[in-house]
Amino acid sequence: MLEDIRTKMTRIVQKRKLCDGWKQNYCPFLKAKFD
């Protein structure tokens, strides 16, 4: 039970980190492109 919750939490954290990195990498690029 606890292991399932732990694995789910780590997956969510990893996804959030990926999204944050994606935003940091592409947001300035997209802004520069559209400005």
PDB file of N, CA and C in Angstrom:
ATOM      1  N   MET A   1       0.838  -1.198   0.000  1.00  0.00           N
ATOM      2  CA  MET A   1       0.000   0.000   0.000  1.00  0.00           C
ATOM      3  C   MET A   1       0.879   1.256   0.000  1.00  0.00           C
ATOM      4  N   LEU A   2       1.747   1.369   1.009  1.00  0.00           N
ATOM      5  CA  LEU A   2       2.607   2.555   1.090  1.00  0.00           C
ATOM      6  C   LEU A   2       3.547   2.634  -0.106  1.00  0.00           C
ATOM      7  N   GLU A   3       4.030   1.488  -0.549  1.00  0.00           N
ATOM      8  CA  GLU A   3       4.945   1.485  -1.696  1.00  0.00           C
ATOM      9  C   GLU A   3       4.253   2.030  -2.940  1.00  0.00           C
ATOM     10  N   ASP A   4       2.978   1.654  -3.134  1.00  0.00           N
ATOM     11  CA  ASP A   4       2.229   2.157  -4.289  1.00  0.00           C
ATOM     12  C   ASP A   4       2.123   3.673  -4.236  1.00  0.00           C
ATOM     13  N   ILE A   5       1.786   4.194  -3.062  1.00  0.00           N
ATOM     14  CA  ILE A   5       1.661   5.651  -2.912  1.00  0.00           C
ATOM     15  C   ILE A   5       3.008   6.312  -3.190  1.00  0.00           C
ATOM     16  N   ARG A   6       4.068   5.716  -2.673  1.00  0.00           N
ATOM     17  CA  ARG A   6       5.402   6.295  -2.847  1.00  0.00           C
ATOM     18  C   ARG A   6       5.789   6.340  -4.326  1.00  0.00           C
ATOM     19  N   THR A   7       5.533   5.243  -5.037  1.00  0.00           N
ATOM     20  CA  THR A   7       5.890   5.214  -6.456  1.00  0.00           C
ATOM     21  C   THR A   7       5.061   6.234  -7.234  1.00  0.00           C
ATOM     22  N   LYS A   8       3.781   6.347  -6.895  1.00  0.00           N
ATOM     23  CA  LYS A   8       2.935   7.338  -7.575  1.00  0.00           C
ATOM     24  C   LYS A   8       3.447   8.745  -7.319  1.00  0.00           C
ATOM     25  N   MET A   9       3.823   9.020  -6.079  1.00  0.00           N
ATOM     26  CA  MET A   9       4.319  10.354  -5.743  1.00  0.00           C
ATOM     27  C   MET A   9       5.602  10.662  -6.514  1.00  0.00           C
ATOM     28  N   THR A  10       6.515   9.703  -6.560  1.00  0.00           N
ATOM     29  CA  THR A  10       7.766   9.955  -7.280  1.00  0.00           C
ATOM     30  C   THR A  10       7.486  10.183  -8.760  1.00  0.00           C
ATOM     31  N   ARG A  11       6.525   9.446  -9.330  1.00  0.00           N
ATOM     32  CA  ARG A  11       6.183   9.642 -10.741  1.00  0.00           C
ATOM     33  C   ARG A  11       5.635  11.040 -10.966  1.00  0.00           C
ATOM     34  N   ILE A  12       4.754  11.489 -10.070  1.00  0.00           N
ATOM     35  CA  ILE A  12       4.173  12.828 -10.206  1.00  0.00           C
ATOM     36  C   ILE A  12       5.279  13.878 -10.111  1.00  0.00           C
ATOM     37  N   VAL A  13       6.186  13.695  -9.161  1.00  0.00           N
ATOM     38  CA  VAL A  13       7.281  14.660  -8.991  1.00  0.00           C
ATOM     39  C   VAL A  13       8.150  14.687 -10.243  1.00  0.00           C
ATOM     40  N   GLN A  14       8.454  13.520 -10.799  1.00  0.00           N
ATOM     41  CA  GLN A  14       9.277  13.459 -12.002  1.00  0.00           C
ATOM     42  C   GLN A  14       8.575  14.160 -13.159  1.00  0.00           C
ATOM     43  N   LYS A  15       7.251  13.942 -13.291  1.00  0.00           N
ATOM     44  CA  LYS A  15       6.504  14.600 -14.361  1.00  0.00           C
ATOM     45  C   LYS A  15       6.540  16.109 -14.179  1.00  0.00           C
ATOM     46  N   ARG A  16       6.380  16.566 -12.932  1.00  0.00           N
ATOM     47  CA  ARG A  16       6.414  18.012 -12.664  1.00  0.00           C
ATOM     48  C   ARG A  16       7.780  18.578 -13.014  1.00  0.00           C
ATOM     49  N   LYS A  17       8.839  17.865 -12.659  1.00  0.00           N
ATOM     50  CA  LYS A  17      10.191  18.332 -12.977  1.00  0.00           C
ATOM     51  C   LYS A  17      10.367  18.423 -14.488  1.00  0.00           C
ATOM     52  N   LEU A  18       9.869  17.423 -15.209  1.00  0.00           N
ATOM     53  CA  LEU A  18       9.955  17.445 -16.665  1.00  0.00           C
ATOM     54  C   LEU A  18       9.218  18.650 -17.214  1.00  0.00           C
ATOM     55  N   CYS A  19       8.011  18.898 -16.714  1.00  0.00           N
ATOM     56  CA  CYS A  19       7.208  20.032 -17.189  1.00  0.00           C
ATOM     57  C   CYS A  19       7.921  21.343 -16.890  1.00  0.00           C
ATOM     58  N   ASP A  20       8.484  21.469 -15.700  1.00  0.00           N
ATOM     59  CA  ASP A  20       9.183  22.704 -15.346  1.00  0.00           C
ATOM     60  C   ASP A  20      10.389  22.913 -16.257  1.00  0.00           C
ATOM     61  N   GLY A  21      11.157  21.874 -16.476  1.00  0.00           N
ATOM     62  CA  GLY A  21      12.311  21.984 -17.364  1.00  0.00           C
ATOM     63  C   GLY A  21      11.877  22.338 -18.774  1.00  0.00           C
ATOM     64  N   TRP A  22      10.794  21.739 -19.235  1.00  0.00           N
ATOM     65  CA  TRP A  22      10.265  22.022 -20.569  1.00  0.00           C
ATOM     66  C   TRP A  22       9.874  23.486 -20.670  1.00  0.00           C
ATOM     67  N   LYS A  23       9.163  23.976 -19.648  1.00  0.00           N
ATOM     68  CA  LYS A  23       8.735  25.386 -19.646  1.00  0.00           C
ATOM     69  C   LYS A  23       9.944  26.307 -19.649  1.00  0.00           C
ATOM     70  N   GLN A  24      10.918  26.019 -18.813  1.00  0.00           N
ATOM     71  CA  GLN A  24      12.102  26.877 -18.732  1.00  0.00           C
ATOM     72  C   GLN A  24      12.855  26.887 -20.058  1.00  0.00           C
ATOM     73  N   ASN A  25      12.884  25.755 -20.742  1.00  0.00           N
ATOM     74  CA  ASN A  25      13.634  25.677 -21.992  1.00  0.00           C
ATOM     75  C   ASN A  25      12.882  26.311 -23.152  1.00  0.00           C
ATOM     76  N   TYR A  26      11.572  26.098 -23.216  1.00  0.00           N
ATOM     77  CA  TYR A  26      10.829  26.476 -24.413  1.00  0.00           C
ATOM     78  C   TYR A  26      10.071  27.788 -24.296  1.00  0.00           C
ATOM     79  N   CYS A  27       9.716  28.221 -23.077  1.00  0.00           N
ATOM     80  CA  CYS A  27       8.946  29.464 -22.948  1.00  0.00           C
ATOM     81  C   CYS A  27       9.711  30.662 -23.497  1.00  0.00           C
ATOM     82  N   PRO A  28      10.966  30.890 -23.126  1.00  0.00           N
ATOM     83  CA  PRO A  28      11.702  32.032 -23.699  1.00  0.00           C
ATOM     84  C   PRO A  28      11.828  31.888 -25.212  1.00  0.00           C
ATOM     85  N   PHE A  29      12.039  30.673 -25.683  1.00  0.00           N
ATOM     86  CA  PHE A  29      12.172  30.406 -27.116  1.00  0.00           C
ATOM     87  C   PHE A  29      10.881  30.762 -27.843  1.00  0.00           C
ATOM     88  N   LEU A  30       9.743  30.311 -27.297  1.00  0.00           N
ATOM     89  CA  LEU A  30       8.450  30.601 -27.924  1.00  0.00           C
ATOM     90  C   LEU A  30       8.136  32.089 -27.860  1.00  0.00           C
ATOM     91  N   LYS A  31       8.435  32.719 -26.720  1.00  0.00           N
ATOM     92  CA  LYS A  31       8.181  34.160 -26.593  1.00  0.00           C
ATOM     93  C   LYS A  31       8.994  34.927 -27.628  1.00  0.00           C
ATOM     94  N   ALA A  32      10.251  34.561 -27.788  1.00  0.00           N
ATOM     95  CA  ALA A  32      11.105  35.241 -28.763  1.00  0.00           C
ATOM     96  C   ALA A  32      10.546  35.031 -30.170  1.00  0.00           C
ATOM     97  N   LYS A  33      10.000  33.856 -30.420  1.00  0.00           N
ATOM     98  CA  LYS A  33       9.476  33.547 -31.747  1.00  0.00           C
ATOM     99  C   LYS A  33       8.213  34.356 -32.038  1.00  0.00           C
ATOM    100  N   PHE A  34       7.352  34.506 -31.040  1.00  0.00           N
ATOM    101  CA  PHE A  34       6.058  35.151 -31.276  1.00  0.00           C
ATOM    102  C   PHE A  34       6.105  36.667 -31.096  1.00  0.00           C
ATOM    103  N   ASP A  35       7.138  37.198 -30.449  1.00  0.00           N
ATOM    104  CA  ASP A  35       7.202  38.644 -30.204  1.00  0.00           C
ATOM    105  C   ASP A  35       7.548  39.444 -31.447  1.00  0.00           C
TER     106      ASP A  35
END
